[in-house]
């Protein structure tokens, strides 16, 4: 059996679990902590709350999302994206990576079209369709959401544009003379799209209100991203990793044949009692503050960045600039562009026991808590925040004695 290096970007996020904010075994609560949209109770939201709150239907959603939600939420958190957007795959595909639209023009959890899939570095040919790749499609969606937020300065508009296209939303904004999603004249599908996301978030926020019992969703990764050291057929990998054909279809649907030869690329394996998952290294995150935008050329996007470190205490900031460093670092920021910053530079001042921080575009309670190594609950308590909403340029007090 070939040796395997594995880098699970969901598993990487386990590093964050050492933080006080992550001493919680409940992924649902972690998700709630990242909610940041305006949960406006419109007639459309109420309608979709009723539709989605069927216990039978919601159980199907949760079962489908179980293998992927930890990874998707982690990708949202790392980029400061409100975790409500991790619910978009429910609206698009009920979290089914094998889903194909009725017209056959879009596929995967995130339902990328051929053009948009290629725009974000996904290979599409007779042998594989990376729009169904769990990792690439999720990172592509994150990149697209960040790009759209940079264009419109509104997560609601970013979500709407994901559904209808940036050109159509831009025209609707110009026609209305407003960037308020609820004031725009849009097609009915798009008019219902944001309310669907809000309705799902409201159910997760307060499931008992809707007669829903959330299944246990542990705050730990389900799968690993494995890099075989030698070429291996998908069927052989599945056998050696103790995977069933059904599970492989959930984790690796982008491979169109079990005889596909995996070489110089990754394949997903469940974390558990298999020899591949046992070789997962403890990685470290690198940071890249440079601004990058989505490209229309596949060659401009690193299809999969990864970080594998032999020592979790390594100083990545110095190693990133040393090509001869004895550590394998591929900066994943080469793939996912940072959000275009349209607000003023960060404003941080200290006063006694607290640091004052001014909220900027893209901030969530989670991303701020992570920045200052405090818990979300402490942040909300110190600032008398009852929900998860923040306002642009709002000043927050951060306890200095909790800073690391």
Protein backbone atom coordinates (compact mmCIF):
# COMPACT_ATOMS: atom_id res chain seq x y z
CA UNK A 1 0.00 0.00 0.00
CA UNK A 2 1.47 3.38 -0.94
CA UNK A 3 2.26 5.87 1.75
CA UNK A 4 -0.10 8.81 1.83
CA UNK A 5 0.23 12.40 2.82
CA UNK A 6 -3.10 13.81 3.89
CA UNK A 7 -4.21 17.39 4.33
CA UNK A 8 -7.77 17.79 5.45
CA UNK A 9 -8.75 21.44 5.34
CA UNK A 10 -11.66 20.55 7.54
CA UNK A 11 -9.24 18.79 9.85
CA UNK A 12 -6.93 21.80 9.70
CA UNK A 13 -9.63 23.82 11.36
CA UNK A 14 -9.25 21.56 14.39
CA UNK A 15 -6.33 23.82 15.28
CA UNK A 16 -8.85 26.53 15.94
CA UNK A 17 -10.62 24.24 18.40
CA UNK A 18 -7.84 24.87 20.91
CA UNK A 19 -9.23 28.39 21.17
CA UNK A 20 -11.73 29.08 24.00
CA UNK A 21 -14.47 29.68 21.42
CA UNK A 22 -14.09 26.12 20.20
CA UNK A 23 -14.53 24.12 23.37
CA UNK A 24 -17.93 23.17 22.03
CA UNK A 25 -18.75 19.78 20.55
CA UNK A 26 -21.81 21.12 18.74
CA UNK A 27 -21.27 22.18 15.13
CA UNK A 28 -24.74 23.74 15.06
CA UNK A 29 -23.76 26.17 17.82
CA UNK A 30 -20.50 26.95 16.06
CA UNK A 31 -22.55 27.71 12.97
CA UNK A 32 -24.95 29.96 14.91
CA UNK A 33 -22.01 31.92 16.27
CA UNK A 34 -21.12 32.87 12.70
CA UNK A 35 -24.58 34.09 11.70
CA UNK A 36 -24.39 37.74 10.66
CA UNK A 37 -27.21 38.46 8.20
CA UNK A 38 -30.36 40.42 8.94
CA UNK A 39 -32.95 37.74 9.72
CA UNK A 40 -35.80 39.92 8.54
CA UNK A 41 -39.19 38.23 8.99
CA UNK A 42 -40.73 38.94 5.61
CA UNK A 43 -43.78 37.06 4.28
CA UNK A 44 -41.41 35.10 2.03
CA UNK A 45 -39.22 34.10 4.99
CA UNK A 46 -42.25 32.93 6.96
CA UNK A 47 -43.47 30.95 3.97
CA UNK A 48 -40.15 29.10 3.63
CA UNK A 49 -39.88 28.56 7.38
CA UNK A 50 -43.13 26.62 7.12
CA UNK A 51 -41.97 24.73 4.01
CA UNK A 52 -38.57 23.76 5.40
CA UNK A 53 -39.73 22.90 8.92
CA UNK A 54 -41.24 19.58 7.93
CA UNK A 55 -39.37 17.18 10.26
CA UNK A 56 -39.14 14.54 7.51
CA UNK A 57 -37.70 16.97 4.98
CA UNK A 58 -35.32 18.59 7.47
CA UNK A 59 -33.98 15.18 8.48
CA UNK A 60 -33.14 14.50 4.83
CA UNK A 61 -31.31 17.83 4.65
CA UNK A 62 -29.31 17.11 7.81
CA UNK A 63 -28.42 13.58 6.70
CA UNK A 64 -27.21 14.89 3.34
CA UNK A 65 -25.19 17.72 4.92
CA UNK A 66 -23.58 15.57 7.62
CA UNK A 67 -20.34 14.65 5.75
CA UNK A 68 -19.73 18.17 4.42
CA UNK A 69 -20.98 20.78 6.86
CA UNK A 70 -17.89 20.89 9.07
CA UNK A 71 -15.68 21.55 6.06
CA UNK A 72 -18.02 24.15 4.52
CA UNK A 73 -18.48 26.06 7.80
CA UNK A 74 -14.70 26.05 8.29
CA UNK A 75 -14.15 27.53 4.84
CA UNK A 76 -16.68 30.26 5.59
CA UNK A 77 -15.06 31.08 8.92
CA UNK A 78 -11.55 31.26 7.55
CA UNK A 79 -12.63 33.92 5.07
CA UNK A 80 -14.90 35.91 7.38
CA UNK A 81 -18.06 34.95 5.51
CA UNK A 82 -21.35 34.75 7.46
CA UNK A 83 -22.08 31.10 8.09
CA UNK A 84 -25.65 31.47 6.83
CA UNK A 85 -24.04 31.09 3.40
CA UNK A 86 -23.14 27.52 4.32
CA UNK A 87 -26.87 26.88 3.89
CA UNK A 88 -26.85 27.79 0.19
CA UNK A 89 -26.14 24.14 -0.83
CA UNK A 90 -29.43 23.21 0.85
CA UNK A 91 -31.27 25.63 -1.42
CA UNK A 92 -29.26 24.58 -4.47
CA UNK A 93 -29.10 20.79 -4.10
CA UNK A 94 -30.18 19.67 -0.61
CA UNK A 95 -26.41 19.17 -0.06
CA UNK A 96 -26.17 16.49 -2.74
CA UNK A 97 -22.85 16.68 -4.64
CA UNK A 98 -24.28 14.36 -7.30
CA UNK A 99 -27.24 16.64 -8.00
CA UNK A 100 -27.82 17.75 -11.59
CA UNK A 101 -30.26 20.53 -12.44
CA UNK A 102 -33.43 19.57 -14.39
CA UNK A 103 -31.98 21.30 -17.44
CA UNK A 104 -28.67 19.48 -17.04
CA UNK A 105 -26.63 22.68 -17.19
CA UNK A 106 -25.47 22.84 -13.56
CA UNK A 107 -24.30 20.24 -11.09
CA UNK A 108 -22.81 19.59 -7.67
CA UNK A 109 -23.63 20.82 -4.18
CA UNK A 110 -23.20 24.41 -5.32
CA UNK A 111 -24.75 23.91 -8.77
CA UNK A 112 -22.02 25.56 -10.81
CA UNK A 113 -22.60 26.11 -14.52
CA UNK A 114 -19.86 24.99 -16.89
CA UNK A 115 -18.60 28.54 -17.43
CA UNK A 116 -18.56 29.54 -13.78
CA UNK A 117 -16.99 26.24 -12.81
CA UNK A 118 -14.12 26.79 -15.22
CA UNK A 119 -13.85 30.39 -14.05
CA UNK A 120 -12.97 29.10 -10.62
CA UNK A 121 -10.46 26.49 -11.73
CA UNK A 122 -12.66 23.40 -12.04
CA UNK A 123 -11.74 20.86 -14.71
CA UNK A 124 -14.69 19.54 -16.68
CA UNK A 125 -14.17 16.70 -19.16
CA UNK A 126 -15.24 13.13 -19.88
CA UNK A 127 -13.15 11.77 -17.00
CA UNK A 128 -14.02 14.16 -14.21
CA UNK A 129 -16.32 17.05 -13.38
CA UNK A 130 -14.85 19.09 -10.58
CA UNK A 131 -18.07 21.03 -10.12
CA UNK A 132 -18.93 17.93 -8.07
CA UNK A 133 -15.61 18.05 -6.21
CA UNK A 134 -16.45 18.80 -2.56
CA UNK A 135 -13.29 20.82 -1.95
CA UNK A 136 -12.95 22.70 -5.22
CA UNK A 137 -16.62 23.57 -5.55
CA UNK A 138 -16.78 24.85 -1.97
CA UNK A 139 -13.68 26.97 -2.38
CA UNK A 140 -14.98 28.19 -5.71
CA UNK A 141 -18.27 29.21 -4.09
CA UNK A 142 -16.41 30.98 -1.28
CA UNK A 143 -14.28 32.83 -3.82
CA UNK A 144 -17.34 33.81 -5.81
CA UNK A 145 -19.22 35.04 -2.73
CA UNK A 146 -16.25 37.16 -1.70
CA UNK A 147 -16.00 38.60 -5.20
CA UNK A 148 -19.72 39.40 -5.24
CA UNK A 149 -19.56 40.99 -1.79
CA UNK A 150 -16.70 43.12 -3.04
CA UNK A 151 -18.89 44.28 -5.91
CA UNK A 152 -22.04 45.04 -3.95
CA UNK A 153 -20.99 45.53 -0.31
CA UNK A 154 -23.97 43.43 0.81
CA UNK A 155 -24.15 39.73 1.61
CA UNK A 156 -27.83 39.65 0.65
CA UNK A 157 -26.97 41.03 -2.78
CA UNK A 158 -24.04 38.61 -3.04
CA UNK A 159 -26.41 35.70 -2.39
CA UNK A 160 -28.91 37.06 -4.91
CA UNK A 161 -26.17 37.52 -7.51
CA UNK A 162 -24.99 33.96 -6.93
CA UNK A 163 -28.45 32.91 -8.03
CA UNK A 164 -29.14 35.37 -10.88
CA UNK A 165 -25.74 36.65 -11.90
CA UNK A 166 -23.88 39.82 -11.04
CA UNK A 167 -25.00 41.64 -14.20
CA UNK A 168 -28.69 41.16 -13.48
CA UNK A 169 -28.35 42.25 -9.86
CA UNK A 170 -26.27 45.26 -10.86
CA UNK A 171 -29.01 46.29 -13.31
CA UNK A 172 -31.66 45.83 -10.61
CA UNK A 173 -29.61 47.95 -8.15
CA UNK A 174 -29.19 50.73 -10.71
CA UNK A 175 -32.87 50.65 -11.61
CA UNK A 176 -34.00 50.81 -7.97
CA UNK A 177 -31.33 53.30 -6.95
CA UNK A 178 -30.86 51.20 -3.85
CA UNK A 179 -28.62 48.42 -2.55
CA UNK A 180 -31.38 47.10 -0.29
CA UNK A 181 -32.14 43.61 -1.58
CA UNK A 182 -35.75 43.90 -0.44
CA UNK A 183 -36.30 47.00 -2.60
CA UNK A 184 -35.12 45.43 -5.84
CA UNK A 185 -37.29 44.30 -8.74
CA UNK A 186 -35.95 40.79 -9.40
CA UNK A 187 -37.33 37.60 -10.89
CA UNK A 188 -39.41 35.48 -8.53
CA UNK A 189 -36.79 32.73 -8.11
CA UNK A 190 -34.28 35.33 -6.91
CA UNK A 191 -36.90 37.08 -4.78
CA UNK A 192 -37.37 33.79 -2.93
CA UNK A 193 -33.69 32.86 -2.80
CA UNK A 194 -32.43 34.98 0.11
CA UNK A 195 -35.59 34.30 2.18
CA UNK A 196 -34.91 30.57 1.80
CA UNK A 197 -31.44 31.01 3.30
CA UNK A 198 -32.80 33.20 6.12
CA UNK A 199 -35.62 30.73 6.84
CA UNK A 200 -33.14 27.85 7.14
CA UNK A 201 -30.93 29.92 9.44
CA UNK A 202 -33.93 30.79 11.62
CA UNK A 203 -34.81 27.11 11.99
CA UNK A 204 -31.24 26.28 13.02
CA UNK A 205 -31.17 29.30 15.34
CA UNK A 206 -34.30 28.16 17.20
CA UNK A 207 -35.27 24.62 16.13
CA UNK A 208 -37.75 24.01 18.96
CA UNK A 209 -39.83 26.96 17.74
CA UNK A 210 -40.43 25.05 14.52
CA UNK A 211 -40.81 21.57 16.01
CA UNK A 212 -37.43 20.46 14.68
CA UNK A 213 -34.93 18.29 16.55
CA UNK A 214 -31.45 18.78 15.15
CA UNK A 215 -29.38 15.63 14.78
CA UNK A 216 -26.07 15.47 16.62
CA UNK A 217 -23.56 17.23 14.37
CA UNK A 218 -20.12 16.81 15.97
CA UNK A 219 -17.61 19.64 15.70
CA UNK A 220 -14.99 17.52 13.97
CA UNK A 221 -14.04 16.66 10.39
CA UNK A 222 -15.66 13.82 8.53
CA UNK A 223 -13.17 13.42 5.71
CA UNK A 224 -9.49 13.85 4.92
CA UNK A 225 -7.89 15.15 1.74
CA UNK A 226 -5.38 12.47 0.81
CA UNK A 227 -2.49 12.71 -1.66
CA UNK A 228 -1.30 9.24 -2.74
CA UNK A 229 2.46 9.04 -3.11
CA UNK A 230 2.08 6.89 -6.22
CA UNK A 231 -0.59 6.80 -8.94
CA UNK A 232 -3.55 4.71 -7.88
CA UNK A 233 -6.89 3.83 -9.45
CA UNK A 234 -9.96 5.16 -7.67
CA UNK A 235 -11.24 1.61 -7.17
CA UNK A 236 -7.97 0.52 -5.53
CA UNK A 237 -7.93 3.55 -3.26
CA UNK A 238 -11.53 2.91 -2.23
CA UNK A 239 -10.66 -0.66 -1.35
CA UNK A 240 -7.48 0.19 0.56
CA UNK A 241 -9.20 3.03 2.45
CA UNK A 242 -11.98 0.70 3.61
CA UNK A 243 -14.62 2.78 1.83
CA UNK A 244 -17.89 1.54 0.40
CA UNK A 245 -18.83 2.42 -3.18
CA UNK A 246 -21.71 4.46 -1.79
CA UNK A 247 -19.44 6.51 0.47
CA UNK A 248 -16.99 7.07 -2.35
CA UNK A 249 -19.85 8.46 -4.42
CA UNK A 250 -20.53 10.93 -1.62
CA UNK A 251 -16.91 12.00 -1.20
CA UNK A 252 -15.49 11.68 -4.72
CA UNK A 253 -18.36 12.08 -7.18
CA UNK A 254 -16.19 14.12 -9.53
CA UNK A 255 -14.34 11.00 -10.72
CA UNK A 256 -16.48 9.55 -13.51
CA UNK A 257 -14.89 6.11 -13.52
CA UNK A 258 -13.56 3.80 -10.82
CA UNK A 259 -10.64 3.09 -13.14
CA UNK A 260 -9.59 6.76 -13.16
CA UNK A 261 -5.90 7.00 -12.25
CA UNK A 262 -5.31 9.48 -9.43
CA UNK A 263 -1.87 11.02 -9.81
CA UNK A 264 -0.52 14.36 -8.64
CA UNK A 265 -3.96 15.13 -7.24
CA UNK A 266 -6.02 14.43 -4.17
CA UNK A 267 -8.83 12.09 -3.26
CA UNK A 268 -11.08 12.24 -0.21
CA UNK A 269 -11.24 9.53 2.43
CA UNK A 270 -13.31 9.31 5.61
CA UNK A 271 -11.51 9.92 8.87
CA UNK A 272 -11.74 6.77 10.90
CA UNK A 273 -10.26 3.32 10.96
CA UNK A 274 -8.40 3.41 7.67
CA UNK A 275 -4.67 3.60 6.88
CA UNK A 276 -4.97 6.79 4.86
CA UNK A 277 -6.55 8.90 7.59
CA UNK A 278 -3.90 7.75 10.04
CA UNK A 279 -1.22 9.68 8.14
CA UNK A 280 -2.79 13.11 8.53
CA UNK A 281 -0.22 15.71 9.49
CA UNK A 282 -0.93 18.55 11.87
CA UNK A 283 -0.90 21.59 9.58
CA UNK A 284 -0.60 25.29 10.18
CA UNK A 285 -2.40 28.11 8.46
CA UNK A 286 -0.55 30.69 6.43
CA UNK A 287 -1.94 34.14 5.87
CA UNK A 288 -1.80 36.19 2.73
CA UNK A 289 -3.13 39.73 2.83
CA UNK A 290 -2.59 40.42 -0.85
CA UNK A 291 -5.72 41.15 -2.87
CA UNK A 292 -6.65 38.64 -5.55
CA UNK A 293 -9.70 38.47 -7.77
CA UNK A 294 -11.30 35.54 -9.55
CA UNK A 295 -9.77 34.93 -12.94
CA UNK A 296 -11.37 33.83 -16.17
CA UNK A 297 -8.23 31.80 -16.90
CA UNK A 298 -7.89 28.42 -15.20
CA UNK A 299 -4.13 28.72 -15.33
CA UNK A 300 -4.19 31.67 -12.95
CA UNK A 301 -5.74 29.72 -10.08
CA UNK A 302 -4.01 27.11 -7.96
CA UNK A 303 -6.59 24.31 -8.10
CA UNK A 304 -5.89 23.15 -4.57
CA UNK A 305 -3.74 24.91 -2.03
CA UNK A 306 -2.60 22.81 0.93
CA UNK A 307 -0.62 23.22 4.12
CA UNK A 308 1.16 20.24 5.59
CA UNK A 309 3.58 20.94 8.42
CA UNK A 310 5.68 18.53 10.43
CA UNK A 311 5.53 20.85 13.42
CA UNK A 312 2.33 22.65 14.30
CA UNK A 313 4.36 25.34 16.06
CA UNK A 314 6.21 26.25 12.87
CA UNK A 315 6.48 29.90 11.94
CA UNK A 316 4.66 29.91 8.62
CA UNK A 317 5.12 33.63 8.07
CA UNK A 318 8.88 33.15 7.75
CA UNK A 319 8.77 29.82 5.95
CA UNK A 320 6.46 31.17 3.26
CA UNK A 321 9.28 33.29 1.92
CA UNK A 322 11.82 30.46 1.98
CA UNK A 323 11.46 28.13 -0.98
CA UNK A 324 14.10 25.80 0.44
CA UNK A 325 12.36 25.34 3.77
CA UNK A 326 12.14 21.69 4.77
CA UNK A 327 8.37 21.86 5.04
CA UNK A 328 5.75 21.40 2.36
CA UNK A 329 3.74 24.59 2.03
CA UNK A 330 1.39 25.44 -0.80
CA UNK A 331 -0.38 28.63 0.11
CA UNK A 332 -4.08 28.06 -0.29
CA UNK A 333 -4.58 31.79 -0.68
CA UNK A 334 -3.33 31.20 -4.22
CA UNK A 335 -6.74 29.72 -4.88
CA UNK A 336 -9.28 31.64 -2.82
CA UNK A 337 -8.99 35.40 -3.28
CA UNK A 338 -9.29 37.66 -0.29
CA UNK A 339 -12.34 39.90 -0.34
CA UNK A 340 -11.81 43.23 -2.04
CA UNK A 341 -11.58 45.77 0.74
CA UNK A 342 -13.81 48.75 0.17
CA UNK A 343 -13.91 50.09 3.69
CA UNK A 344 -11.40 52.15 5.64
CA UNK A 345 -8.34 50.44 7.20
CA UNK A 346 -8.92 48.65 10.49
CA UNK A 347 -9.21 50.95 13.49
CA UNK A 348 -7.96 49.49 16.77
CA UNK A 349 -7.31 51.55 19.91
CA UNK A 350 -6.72 50.56 23.52
CA UNK A 351 -8.45 51.96 26.56
CA UNK A 352 -7.80 50.50 30.02
CA UNK A 353 -8.89 46.87 30.17
CA UNK A 354 -10.40 46.93 26.70
CA UNK A 355 -9.34 47.32 23.10
CA UNK A 356 -11.74 49.24 20.88
CA UNK A 357 -12.27 47.71 17.46
CA UNK A 358 -14.25 49.30 14.64
CA UNK A 359 -16.24 46.80 12.56
CA UNK A 360 -15.24 46.73 8.89
CA UNK A 361 -16.81 45.09 5.84
CA UNK A 362 -16.83 41.31 5.94
CA UNK A 363 -16.49 41.09 9.73
CA UNK A 364 -18.58 38.62 11.69
CA UNK A 365 -18.69 37.99 15.43
CA UNK A 366 -16.74 34.81 14.79
CA UNK A 367 -14.00 36.41 12.71
CA UNK A 368 -13.51 39.20 15.26
CA UNK A 369 -13.50 36.77 18.18
CA UNK A 370 -10.89 34.68 16.39
CA UNK A 371 -8.80 37.77 15.61
CA UNK A 372 -8.56 38.67 19.31
CA UNK A 373 -8.68 35.12 20.76
CA UNK A 374 -11.85 35.69 22.76
CA UNK A 375 -15.08 33.70 22.79
CA UNK A 376 -18.09 34.84 20.82
CA UNK A 377 -20.17 34.70 24.02
CA UNK A 378 -17.71 37.01 25.82
CA UNK A 379 -17.72 39.41 22.89
CA UNK A 380 -21.52 39.52 22.85
CA UNK A 381 -21.71 39.94 26.63
CA UNK A 382 -19.19 42.79 26.78
CA UNK A 383 -21.01 44.66 24.01
CA UNK A 384 -24.62 43.90 24.99
CA UNK A 385 -25.25 42.11 21.69
CA UNK A 386 -28.35 39.95 21.92
CA UNK A 387 -28.23 38.44 18.43
CA UNK A 388 -25.46 37.92 15.87
CA UNK A 389 -25.84 41.18 13.97
CA UNK A 390 -23.10 43.79 13.53
CA UNK A 391 -23.17 47.23 11.95
CA UNK A 392 -20.50 48.68 9.69
CA UNK A 393 -18.15 50.94 11.70
CA UNK A 394 -19.73 49.80 14.98
CA UNK A 395 -17.16 50.03 17.80
CA UNK A 396 -16.71 46.89 19.87
CA UNK A 397 -14.94 46.51 23.22
CA UNK A 398 -12.47 43.61 23.37
CA UNK A 399 -11.13 42.44 26.73
CA UNK A 400 -7.36 42.90 26.80
CA UNK A 401 -6.84 40.29 29.49
CA UNK A 402 -8.16 37.58 27.16
CA UNK A 403 -5.87 38.42 24.27
CA UNK A 404 -3.21 35.86 23.50
